[in-house]
Amino acid sequence: MAEQKINEKFLCEIWKNRNFYKNLSTRNGEQIEIIDTGIENKELGGPDFKNARIKIGNITFLGDVEIDSFQTDWKMHGHYFNKKYNKVILHIYFASDGDKPFVFTKEGRKVQSISLESFLNKDINSTLHKAILSERKNRIYIMPCSETNNTIEEKIKLDFIYELGIKRFKKKCQNLVSRLKEIVYLKELNLREPIVRYELDENFYNRKFTNKDFSNPAVWQQLFYEAVFEALGYSKNKDIMRCLAEAVNIDFFNSIREKENLVNIIESALFNISGLMPDIYKLPDEETSEYAKHLAQYWSELKTKYDGRTFKPEQWHFFKLRPQNFPTIRIAGGARILYRILNQDLIGKLIKKVETNNDYRKLIGIFRNQIIVKGEGFWRKHFIFDQPAKKDINYFIGLSRADEIIINIILPFLAIYFEIFGNENRRQKIIKLYSQYYQVSENHLVEEVSSTLKINDAWKRSILYQGILDLYRNYCSRNKCLDCKIGDKIFS
């Protein structure tokens, strides 16, 4: 039994529902009383449950709980050197593959480590089945009208979702315009972000910007760069990816754009500033060591030009990510997008293609080709610095992620560009392209809501995909049924 691996998400369900056939206890016989299992940590990196309340022996502890498949996962997953795990009060695992009843946090505190295997019903399959059903139930996106919306015509549903898709697009445009104005204003004040903390004053909020204020290509490059990096971070690393793009800004890269081996130089800057660069003298194999030494050499020449913020390795999330989504791979992909911005006029190419091409299908293909990044160089064979990948990484940015970037960033970016410079026809062309785009991305929420609404594969059309996200997040999940045109017809 000790060799059996059980997915952590099912162990989390067992913990939440306290599906134990006898009381928990430590190896030395101290009783464990669960006062509060804690709040499941679904979004942030770190322990699986936050703010748990557990009595061990005669002492009640308030802190976090980490759940692993094996006891040795604590070390394998790097929890022992990650300060996010400093508040863990109980380490739980299923199978015991270690010989110690405790683990250590980064600050050196000893944490009780117990195996659930001894406390589960002898019919482990029955317990697992309950956990699987519980996890599945939690995953389903329940809509208040799920039993009754079949009385509403499909056209009414699709029209409202289409309307929400347009609304969501406009909101993205507004957010980009707000950030663009901020970039312009900070550049005029010569403020380095985020070294200097600032609050935008009334001069900013009262200012009437004109298209002349946005004539500097560098402000558009910075906006594009920040937005793409944030998208490459997904949910776990999007904030720090955006912060990285704000810190090592486009002006810094423009100052070195003429250098040879620019992609590797960009990688050197990003990996060193991000804090992900390892000690080059402790790397295991020759290929890794050679690559890292090149990055270190480039950085020794660059660092005198950089006076911005730097980051720490523990600020980045790797755990529970597919290796393809590791920040190392996303930075490698982002470095190549940066190269295209700096040396291949990526933004200018996108603008020109919209102006000269009226075939929407071809235009979509062109956009995809500009954003997809194939795997190459060192990172084609590595997910992290200190060990090779089991198989080659064919794409740093694949088709699915490229579609997400095009829909959520590039089309709104181009729409505000044409609006600011007074080209309404081009702006309308972008909105039409948005309405005709079919993305290959998949999203469980979107698929389940589509199924509940019985609108079949309509969600594959990007404007409806976006509208469904808006519908669920701003109406269904908030029980705003009477504000929803579908719910209003049903419940009124």
Protein backbone atom coordinates (compact mmCIF):
# COMPACT_ATOMS: atom_id res chain seq x y z
CA MET A 1 0.00 0.00 0.00
CA ALA A 2 2.87 2.36 0.77
CA GLU A 3 3.82 2.51 -2.90
CA GLN A 4 0.31 3.55 -3.98
CA LYS A 5 0.13 7.15 -5.21
CA ILE A 6 -3.08 9.06 -4.59
CA ASN A 7 -3.67 12.41 -6.22
CA GLU A 8 -3.34 15.26 -3.73
CA LYS A 9 -6.66 16.80 -4.72
CA PHE A 10 -8.46 13.68 -3.47
CA LEU A 11 -6.45 13.70 -0.24
CA CYS A 12 -7.55 17.32 0.18
CA GLU A 13 -11.19 16.21 -0.10
CA ILE A 14 -10.61 13.49 2.51
CA TRP A 15 -9.08 16.12 4.82
CA LYS A 16 -11.89 18.65 4.25
CA ASN A 17 -14.61 16.06 4.93
CA ARG A 18 -12.63 14.39 7.75
CA ASN A 19 -13.19 10.94 6.26
CA PHE A 20 -11.17 9.08 8.88
CA TYR A 21 -12.37 5.92 10.59
CA LYS A 22 -10.47 6.76 13.80
CA ASN A 23 -8.96 9.86 15.41
CA LEU A 24 -5.66 11.10 14.04
CA SER A 25 -2.54 10.84 16.18
CA THR A 26 1.17 11.43 15.86
CA ARG A 27 3.68 8.58 15.68
CA ASN A 28 4.49 9.00 19.36
CA GLY A 29 0.81 8.65 20.27
CA GLU A 30 -0.25 12.29 20.82
CA GLN A 31 -3.88 12.81 19.86
CA ILE A 32 -4.68 15.24 17.03
CA GLU A 33 -7.98 17.11 17.24
CA ILE A 34 -9.13 18.99 14.12
CA ILE A 35 -10.92 22.10 15.33
CA ASP A 36 -10.95 23.72 11.89
CA THR A 37 -9.54 22.15 8.70
CA GLY A 38 -8.76 25.62 7.32
CA ILE A 39 -9.61 27.38 4.07
CA GLU A 40 -8.56 25.59 0.90
CA ASN A 41 -5.91 27.54 -0.98
CA LYS A 42 -7.00 27.18 -4.60
CA GLU A 43 -5.41 30.25 -6.17
CA LEU A 44 -2.26 31.31 -4.33
CA GLY A 45 0.99 29.40 -4.14
CA GLY A 46 1.83 27.84 -0.81
CA PRO A 47 0.19 25.33 1.56
CA ASP A 48 -3.05 23.58 0.60
CA PHE A 49 -5.08 24.91 3.56
CA LYS A 50 -4.70 28.27 5.27
CA ASN A 51 -5.67 29.27 8.82
CA ALA A 52 -6.37 25.79 10.15
CA ARG A 53 -6.88 25.21 13.89
CA ILE A 54 -5.46 21.95 15.22
CA LYS A 55 -4.88 20.64 18.72
CA ILE A 56 -1.86 18.34 19.04
CA GLY A 57 -1.59 16.89 22.54
CA ASN A 58 -2.43 19.75 24.89
CA ILE A 59 -1.46 22.59 22.56
CA THR A 60 -3.75 24.26 20.02
CA PHE A 61 -2.00 25.53 16.88
CA LEU A 62 -3.26 28.09 14.36
CA GLY A 63 -1.61 27.95 10.94
CA ASP A 64 -1.46 26.13 7.61
CA VAL A 65 -1.72 22.50 6.49
CA GLU A 66 0.22 21.00 3.59
CA ILE A 67 -0.94 17.77 1.93
CA ASP A 68 1.32 15.60 -0.24
CA SER A 69 1.10 12.17 -1.82
CA PHE A 70 4.37 11.03 -0.20
CA GLN A 71 6.25 12.17 2.86
CA THR A 72 9.38 12.93 0.81
CA ASP A 73 7.36 15.30 -1.42
CA TRP A 74 7.98 17.97 1.24
CA LYS A 75 11.62 18.05 0.19
CA MET A 76 11.07 17.14 -3.47
CA HIS A 77 8.68 20.06 -3.91
CA GLY A 78 11.05 22.49 -2.19
CA HIS A 79 8.78 23.36 0.75
CA TYR A 80 11.73 23.25 3.15
CA PHE A 81 13.34 26.32 1.58
CA ASN A 82 10.16 28.23 0.68
CA LYS A 83 9.14 30.80 3.28
CA LYS A 84 5.48 30.44 2.24
CA TYR A 85 5.49 27.19 4.20
CA ASN A 86 6.85 28.74 7.42
CA LYS A 87 3.36 28.77 9.00
CA VAL A 88 2.61 25.07 8.36
CA ILE A 89 1.51 23.35 11.57
CA LEU A 90 0.79 19.89 10.16
CA HIS A 91 2.21 18.01 7.16
CA ILE A 92 -0.13 15.30 5.87
CA TYR A 93 0.66 12.65 3.30
CA PHE A 94 -0.79 9.33 2.24
CA ALA A 95 2.13 6.94 1.80
CA SER A 96 5.09 6.85 4.15
CA ASP A 97 8.37 6.67 2.25
CA GLY A 98 10.51 8.37 4.89
CA ASP A 99 11.75 7.46 8.33
CA LYS A 100 11.15 10.68 10.29
CA PRO A 101 7.88 11.80 11.92
CA PHE A 102 8.50 15.44 11.13
CA VAL A 103 9.72 17.92 8.52
CA PHE A 104 11.40 21.31 8.79
CA THR A 105 10.35 24.74 7.54
CA LYS A 106 12.79 27.22 6.00
CA GLU A 107 13.18 28.95 9.37
CA GLY A 108 14.14 25.58 10.93
CA ARG A 109 10.92 24.89 12.84
CA LYS A 110 9.96 21.23 13.25
CA VAL A 111 6.50 20.27 11.91
CA GLN A 112 4.63 17.05 12.73
CA SER A 113 4.29 14.86 9.64
CA ILE A 114 1.62 12.12 9.62
CA SER A 115 0.43 9.45 7.18
CA LEU A 116 -3.31 9.24 6.47
CA GLU A 117 -2.98 5.63 5.37
CA SER A 118 -3.33 4.37 8.95
CA PHE A 119 -6.49 6.37 9.60
CA LEU A 120 -8.55 5.61 6.51
CA ASN A 121 -11.20 2.93 6.27
CA LYS A 122 -9.77 -0.44 5.28
CA ASP A 123 -11.84 -0.18 2.11
CA ILE A 124 -9.63 2.54 0.68
CA ASN A 125 -11.40 2.38 -2.69
CA SER A 126 -14.70 3.39 -1.06
CA THR A 127 -13.07 6.36 0.66
CA LEU A 128 -11.40 7.43 -2.56
CA HIS A 129 -14.66 7.12 -4.48
CA LYS A 130 -16.33 9.52 -2.04
CA ALA A 131 -13.39 11.93 -2.35
CA ILE A 132 -13.53 11.81 -6.16
CA LEU A 133 -17.28 12.51 -6.17
CA SER A 134 -16.80 15.37 -3.71
CA GLU A 135 -13.99 16.92 -5.78
CA ARG A 136 -16.04 16.57 -8.96
CA LYS A 137 -19.05 18.21 -7.34
CA ASN A 138 -16.92 21.16 -6.23
CA ARG A 139 -15.63 21.52 -9.79
CA ILE A 140 -19.06 21.85 -11.37
CA TYR A 141 -20.18 25.42 -11.99
CA ILE A 142 -23.76 25.52 -10.78
CA MET A 143 -26.06 28.11 -12.34
CA PRO A 144 -29.26 29.14 -10.53
CA CYS A 145 -31.28 28.65 -13.74
CA SER A 146 -29.77 25.26 -14.60
CA GLU A 147 -33.12 23.45 -14.28
CA THR A 148 -35.28 26.02 -16.04
CA ASN A 149 -33.34 27.88 -18.75
CA ASN A 150 -34.47 25.38 -21.41
CA THR A 151 -37.70 27.43 -21.59
CA ILE A 152 -35.77 30.38 -23.08
CA GLU A 153 -35.09 30.60 -26.81
CA GLU A 154 -31.50 29.99 -27.82
CA LYS A 155 -31.41 33.33 -29.71
CA ILE A 156 -32.17 35.27 -26.52
CA LYS A 157 -29.32 33.50 -24.73
CA LEU A 158 -26.83 34.02 -27.55
CA ASP A 159 -27.78 37.68 -28.05
CA PHE A 160 -27.19 38.44 -24.37
CA ILE A 161 -23.90 36.51 -24.29
CA TYR A 162 -22.78 38.35 -27.46
CA GLU A 163 -23.62 41.65 -25.76
CA LEU A 164 -21.54 40.62 -22.73
CA GLY A 165 -18.67 39.62 -25.04
CA ILE A 166 -18.62 43.14 -26.49
CA LYS A 167 -18.86 44.62 -23.00
CA ARG A 168 -15.91 42.53 -21.85
CA PHE A 169 -13.86 43.63 -24.89
CA LYS A 170 -14.58 47.31 -24.16
CA LYS A 171 -13.54 46.80 -20.54
CA LYS A 172 -10.20 45.38 -21.68
CA CYS A 173 -9.76 48.41 -23.95
CA GLN A 174 -10.51 50.79 -21.06
CA ASN A 175 -7.96 49.05 -18.84
CA LEU A 176 -5.29 49.31 -21.53
CA VAL A 177 -6.02 53.01 -22.11
CA SER A 178 -5.76 53.70 -18.37
CA ARG A 179 -2.40 51.96 -18.16
CA LEU A 180 -1.17 53.67 -21.34
CA LYS A 181 -1.93 57.10 -19.85
CA GLU A 182 -0.11 56.08 -16.68
CA ILE A 183 2.98 54.99 -18.66
CA VAL A 184 3.01 58.32 -20.54
CA TYR A 185 2.63 60.32 -17.33
CA LEU A 186 5.35 58.43 -15.45
CA LYS A 187 7.70 58.77 -18.40
CA GLU A 188 7.18 62.54 -18.42
CA LEU A 189 7.94 62.69 -14.68
CA ASN A 190 10.96 60.44 -15.22
CA LEU A 191 9.78 58.08 -12.47
CA ARG A 192 11.26 54.59 -12.49
CA GLU A 193 8.65 52.01 -11.64
CA PRO A 194 8.32 50.38 -9.17
CA ILE A 195 11.42 51.72 -7.36
CA VAL A 196 9.61 54.94 -6.50
CA ARG A 197 6.25 54.51 -4.81
CA TYR A 198 3.81 57.07 -6.11
CA GLU A 199 0.21 58.13 -6.13
CA LEU A 200 -1.16 59.71 -9.27
CA ASP A 201 -2.15 63.26 -8.42
CA GLU A 202 -5.04 65.45 -9.53
CA ASN A 203 -2.97 66.74 -12.44
CA PHE A 204 -3.08 63.26 -13.91
CA TYR A 205 -6.80 62.74 -13.34
CA ASN A 206 -7.73 66.20 -14.62
CA ARG A 207 -5.52 66.03 -17.68
CA LYS A 208 -7.04 65.81 -21.15
CA PHE A 209 -4.74 63.55 -23.15
CA THR A 210 -4.46 64.04 -26.91
CA ASN A 211 -3.10 61.71 -29.56
CA LYS A 212 0.18 63.70 -29.53
CA ASP A 213 0.78 62.44 -25.98
CA PHE A 214 0.92 58.90 -27.37
CA SER A 215 3.26 59.53 -30.28
CA ASN A 216 6.29 57.89 -28.63
CA PRO A 217 6.53 54.27 -29.86
CA ALA A 218 8.21 53.25 -26.58
CA VAL A 219 5.01 53.77 -24.56
CA TRP A 220 3.14 51.39 -26.88
CA GLN A 221 5.98 48.91 -26.69
CA GLN A 222 5.91 49.04 -22.89
CA LEU A 223 2.14 48.55 -22.78
CA PHE A 224 2.34 45.57 -25.15
CA TYR A 225 5.28 44.05 -23.27
CA GLU A 226 3.60 44.31 -19.85
CA ALA A 227 0.29 42.87 -21.07
CA VAL A 228 1.91 39.92 -22.88
CA PHE A 229 4.11 39.05 -19.89
CA GLU A 230 1.14 39.18 -17.55
CA ALA A 231 -0.73 36.78 -19.86
CA LEU A 232 2.26 34.43 -19.97
CA GLY A 233 2.18 34.21 -16.17
CA TYR A 234 -1.27 32.57 -16.13
CA SER A 235 -3.09 32.83 -12.79
CA LYS A 236 -0.19 31.79 -10.54
CA ASN A 237 2.57 34.05 -11.89
CA LYS A 238 0.74 36.81 -13.73
CA ASP A 239 1.38 39.48 -11.08
CA ILE A 240 5.10 38.90 -10.79
CA MET A 241 5.48 38.58 -14.58
CA ARG A 242 3.84 41.99 -14.95
CA CYS A 243 6.06 43.39 -12.18
CA LEU A 244 9.11 42.01 -13.98
CA ALA A 245 8.07 43.79 -17.19
CA GLU A 246 7.51 47.03 -15.25
CA ALA A 247 10.89 46.76 -13.53
CA VAL A 248 13.13 45.88 -16.47
CA ASN A 249 11.33 48.17 -18.84
CA ILE A 250 11.41 48.66 -22.59
CA ASP A 251 13.78 51.64 -22.32
CA PHE A 252 16.41 49.35 -20.80
CA PHE A 253 16.04 46.86 -23.65
CA ASN A 254 16.03 49.59 -26.29
CA SER A 255 19.40 50.72 -24.93
CA ILE A 256 20.92 47.30 -25.75
CA ARG A 257 18.95 46.36 -28.86
CA GLU A 258 21.94 46.60 -31.20
CA LYS A 259 23.94 43.94 -29.39
CA GLU A 260 24.63 40.54 -30.96
CA ASN A 261 22.92 37.43 -29.52
CA LEU A 262 20.12 39.71 -28.34
CA VAL A 263 17.75 36.86 -27.40
CA ASN A 264 20.31 35.40 -25.00
CA ILE A 265 21.10 38.86 -23.64
CA ILE A 266 17.39 39.46 -22.98
CA GLU A 267 17.20 36.05 -21.27
CA SER A 268 20.23 36.97 -19.17
CA ALA A 269 18.60 40.19 -17.97
CA LEU A 270 15.24 38.59 -17.25
CA PHE A 271 16.57 35.52 -15.43
CA ASN A 272 19.04 37.52 -13.33
CA ILE A 273 16.57 40.26 -12.41
CA SER A 274 13.80 37.72 -11.73
CA GLY A 275 15.99 35.91 -9.19
CA LEU A 276 15.65 32.60 -11.06
CA MET A 277 19.29 32.50 -12.13
CA PRO A 278 21.10 29.69 -10.23
CA ASP A 279 24.61 29.57 -8.81
CA ILE A 280 26.59 28.74 -11.95
CA TYR A 281 29.19 26.80 -9.95
CA LYS A 282 26.66 24.32 -8.57
CA LEU A 283 25.04 23.18 -11.80
CA PRO A 284 25.04 19.43 -12.49
CA ASP A 285 25.68 18.94 -16.19
CA GLU A 286 27.96 20.52 -18.76
CA GLU A 287 25.23 21.83 -21.08
CA THR A 288 23.43 23.67 -18.26
CA SER A 289 26.67 25.01 -16.87
CA GLU A 290 27.78 26.31 -20.27
CA TYR A 291 24.46 28.08 -20.92
CA ALA A 292 24.34 29.60 -17.43
CA LYS A 293 27.94 30.83 -17.72
CA HIS A 294 27.03 32.66 -20.93
CA LEU A 295 24.08 34.31 -19.18
CA ALA A 296 26.31 35.26 -16.25
CA GLN A 297 28.87 36.78 -18.62
CA TYR A 298 26.22 38.83 -20.43
CA TRP A 299 24.84 40.03 -17.09
CA SER A 300 28.26 41.12 -15.83
CA GLU A 301 28.32 43.55 -18.77
CA LEU A 302 24.66 44.62 -18.43
CA LYS A 303 24.13 45.09 -14.71
CA THR A 304 25.81 48.50 -14.55
CA LYS A 305 23.07 49.78 -16.89
CA TYR A 306 20.27 48.46 -14.66
CA ASP A 307 19.19 50.30 -11.52
CA GLY A 308 15.75 48.85 -10.98
CA ARG A 309 14.08 46.31 -8.74
CA THR A 310 15.16 42.66 -8.44
CA PHE A 311 13.13 39.65 -7.31
CA LYS A 312 13.63 36.49 -5.26
CA PRO A 313 13.14 32.84 -6.30
CA GLU A 314 10.46 32.25 -3.65
CA GLN A 315 8.25 34.88 -5.28
CA TRP A 316 7.74 32.54 -8.25
CA HIS A 317 5.29 29.65 -8.34
CA PHE A 318 6.30 26.29 -9.81
CA PHE A 319 4.40 23.85 -7.61
CA LYS A 320 1.22 22.33 -9.09
CA LEU A 321 2.01 23.80 -12.51
CA ARG A 322 2.45 21.72 -15.63
CA PRO A 323 6.16 21.99 -16.54
CA GLN A 324 5.15 23.62 -19.84
CA ASN A 325 3.77 26.50 -17.75
CA PHE A 326 6.82 26.95 -15.52
CA PRO A 327 7.88 30.62 -15.35
CA THR A 328 11.29 29.65 -16.79
CA ILE A 329 9.62 28.49 -20.01
CA ARG A 330 7.29 31.50 -20.11
CA ILE A 331 10.22 33.88 -19.64
CA ALA A 332 12.05 32.12 -22.48
CA GLY A 333 8.96 32.63 -24.67
CA GLY A 334 8.59 36.22 -23.50
CA ALA A 335 12.24 36.92 -24.33
CA ARG A 336 11.56 35.99 -27.95
CA ILE A 337 8.44 38.17 -28.09
CA LEU A 338 10.59 41.01 -26.74
CA TYR A 339 13.12 40.35 -29.50
CA ARG A 340 10.32 40.61 -32.07
CA ILE A 341 9.17 43.91 -30.53
CA LEU A 342 12.67 45.38 -30.49
CA ASN A 343 14.27 44.09 -33.70
CA GLN A 344 11.42 42.94 -35.92
CA ASP A 345 8.90 45.76 -35.30
CA LEU A 346 6.22 43.31 -34.15
CA ILE A 347 3.71 46.03 -33.26
CA GLY A 348 4.22 47.84 -36.57
CA LYS A 349 3.75 44.57 -38.47
CA LEU A 350 0.45 43.85 -36.71
CA ILE A 351 -0.83 47.37 -37.45
CA LYS A 352 0.19 47.15 -41.12
CA LYS A 353 -1.44 43.74 -41.57
CA VAL A 354 -4.75 45.12 -40.31
CA GLU A 355 -4.47 48.08 -42.67
CA THR A 356 -3.63 46.01 -45.77
CA ASN A 357 -5.45 42.70 -45.31
CA ASN A 358 -9.22 42.28 -45.59
CA ASP A 359 -9.32 38.49 -45.43
CA TYR A 360 -10.18 37.83 -41.76
CA ARG A 361 -9.19 34.18 -41.89
CA LYS A 362 -5.75 35.03 -43.24
CA LEU A 363 -5.41 37.84 -40.73
CA ILE A 364 -6.04 35.43 -37.86
CA GLY A 365 -3.37 33.10 -39.26
CA ILE A 366 -0.90 35.97 -39.53
CA PHE A 367 -1.54 37.06 -35.93
CA ARG A 368 -1.05 33.52 -34.67
CA ASN A 369 2.24 33.15 -36.51
CA GLN A 370 3.51 36.39 -34.96
CA ILE A 371 2.78 35.22 -31.40
CA ILE A 372 3.50 31.48 -31.46
CA VAL A 373 7.05 30.79 -30.29
CA LYS A 374 8.67 27.46 -31.11
CA GLY A 375 11.04 25.80 -28.67
CA GLU A 376 14.73 26.34 -29.36
CA GLY A 377 18.12 26.50 -27.71
CA PHE A 378 18.70 25.48 -24.11
CA TRP A 379 15.05 25.72 -23.06
CA ARG A 380 13.90 23.30 -25.73
CA LYS A 381 15.39 20.54 -23.58
CA HIS A 382 14.95 21.97 -20.06
CA PHE A 383 12.04 23.05 -17.84
CA ILE A 384 14.34 24.34 -15.11
CA PHE A 385 18.04 25.15 -14.93
CA ASP A 386 19.36 22.16 -13.02
CA GLN A 387 17.91 19.16 -14.84
CA PRO A 388 16.94 18.26 -18.42
CA ALA A 389 13.33 17.69 -19.51
CA LYS A 390 12.22 14.14 -20.25
CA LYS A 391 11.10 15.20 -23.72
CA ASP A 392 11.68 18.18 -25.98
CA ILE A 393 9.58 21.32 -25.52
CA ASN A 394 8.21 22.03 -28.97
CA TYR A 395 6.61 25.39 -28.17
CA PHE A 396 7.34 28.08 -25.62
CA ILE A 397 4.06 29.74 -26.65
CA GLY A 398 1.67 27.35 -28.38
CA LEU A 399 -1.51 27.94 -30.35
CA SER A 400 -3.86 27.92 -27.37
CA ARG A 401 -1.89 30.52 -25.41
CA ALA A 402 -1.35 32.55 -28.58
CA ASP A 403 -5.12 32.71 -29.11
CA GLU A 404 -5.61 33.87 -25.51
CA ILE A 405 -3.03 36.64 -26.03
CA ILE A 406 -4.58 37.70 -29.35
CA ILE A 407 -8.12 37.85 -27.96
CA ASN A 408 -7.35 39.41 -24.58
CA ILE A 409 -4.46 41.70 -25.49
CA ILE A 410 -3.64 42.23 -29.15
CA LEU A 411 -7.14 42.95 -30.45
CA PRO A 412 -7.98 45.41 -27.62
CA PHE A 413 -4.48 46.92 -28.02
CA LEU A 414 -5.03 47.51 -31.74
CA ALA A 415 -8.56 48.81 -31.15
CA ILE A 416 -7.34 51.55 -28.80
CA TYR A 417 -4.41 52.34 -31.11
CA PHE A 418 -6.73 53.00 -34.06
CA GLU A 419 -9.20 54.88 -31.87
CA ILE A 420 -6.55 57.18 -30.39
CA PHE A 421 -5.16 58.01 -33.82
CA GLY A 422 -8.62 58.58 -35.31
CA ASN A 423 -8.99 55.57 -37.59
CA GLU A 424 -12.54 54.44 -36.86
CA ASN A 425 -12.71 52.11 -39.86
CA ARG A 426 -9.71 50.15 -38.65
CA ARG A 427 -11.12 50.02 -35.12
CA GLN A 428 -14.39 48.57 -36.43
CA LYS A 429 -12.38 46.09 -38.44
CA ILE A 430 -10.74 44.86 -35.21
CA ILE A 431 -14.14 44.45 -33.53
CA LYS A 432 -15.39 42.50 -36.52
CA LEU A 433 -12.30 40.30 -36.39
CA TYR A 434 -13.00 39.71 -32.68
CA SER A 435 -16.59 38.70 -33.46
CA GLN A 436 -15.42 36.22 -36.12
CA TYR A 437 -12.51 34.69 -34.21
CA TYR A 438 -12.68 31.02 -33.20
CA GLN A 439 -10.07 30.17 -30.57
CA VAL A 440 -8.72 26.71 -29.77
CA SER A 441 -8.50 27.39 -26.02
CA GLU A 442 -10.54 25.26 -23.67
CA ASN A 443 -12.03 26.27 -20.35
CA HIS A 444 -14.05 24.00 -18.05
CA LEU A 445 -16.18 26.88 -16.80
CA VAL A 446 -17.08 27.97 -20.33
CA GLU A 447 -17.86 24.41 -21.43
CA GLU A 448 -20.04 23.67 -18.40
CA VAL A 449 -21.99 26.93 -18.66
CA SER A 450 -22.51 26.28 -22.40
CA SER A 451 -23.78 22.80 -21.62
CA THR A 452 -26.11 24.11 -18.91
CA LEU A 453 -27.49 26.75 -21.30
CA LYS A 454 -27.76 24.13 -24.06
CA ILE A 455 -26.02 26.27 -26.67
CA ASN A 456 -23.81 23.43 -27.94
CA ASP A 457 -20.49 24.54 -29.47
CA ALA A 458 -21.30 28.24 -29.72
CA TRP A 459 -18.67 28.90 -27.02
CA LYS A 460 -15.88 28.17 -29.52
CA ARG A 461 -16.55 31.56 -31.05
CA SER A 462 -14.32 33.90 -29.06
CA ILE A 463 -16.82 36.68 -28.50
CA LEU A 464 -19.26 34.16 -26.98
CA TYR A 465 -16.45 32.47 -25.03
CA GLN A 466 -15.66 35.84 -23.44
CA GLY A 467 -19.35 36.60 -22.92
CA ILE A 468 -19.87 33.32 -21.05
CA LEU A 469 -16.98 34.15 -18.71
CA ASP A 470 -18.59 37.50 -17.99
CA LEU A 471 -22.04 35.93 -17.54
CA TYR A 472 -20.90 33.43 -14.94
CA ARG A 473 -18.50 35.64 -13.01
CA ASN A 474 -20.63 38.79 -12.87
CA TYR A 475 -24.15 37.34 -12.79
CA CYS A 476 -24.46 33.61 -12.01
CA SER A 477 -21.83 33.36 -9.27
CA ARG A 478 -23.19 36.54 -7.63
CA ASN A 479 -26.86 35.48 -7.88
CA LYS A 480 -27.68 38.57 -9.94
CA CYS A 481 -30.31 36.67 -11.87
CA LEU A 482 -32.74 39.57 -12.26
CA ASP A 483 -29.96 41.72 -13.76
CA CYS A 484 -29.35 39.00 -16.36
CA LYS A 485 -31.56 39.04 -19.46
CA ILE A 486 -31.80 35.24 -19.33
CA GLY A 487 -32.54 35.05 -15.60
CA ASP A 488 -34.97 37.96 -15.73
CA LYS A 489 -37.19 36.11 -18.20
CA ILE A 490 -37.06 32.93 -16.13
CA PHE A 491 -37.50 34.27 -12.60
CA SER A 492 -39.77 37.22 -13.29
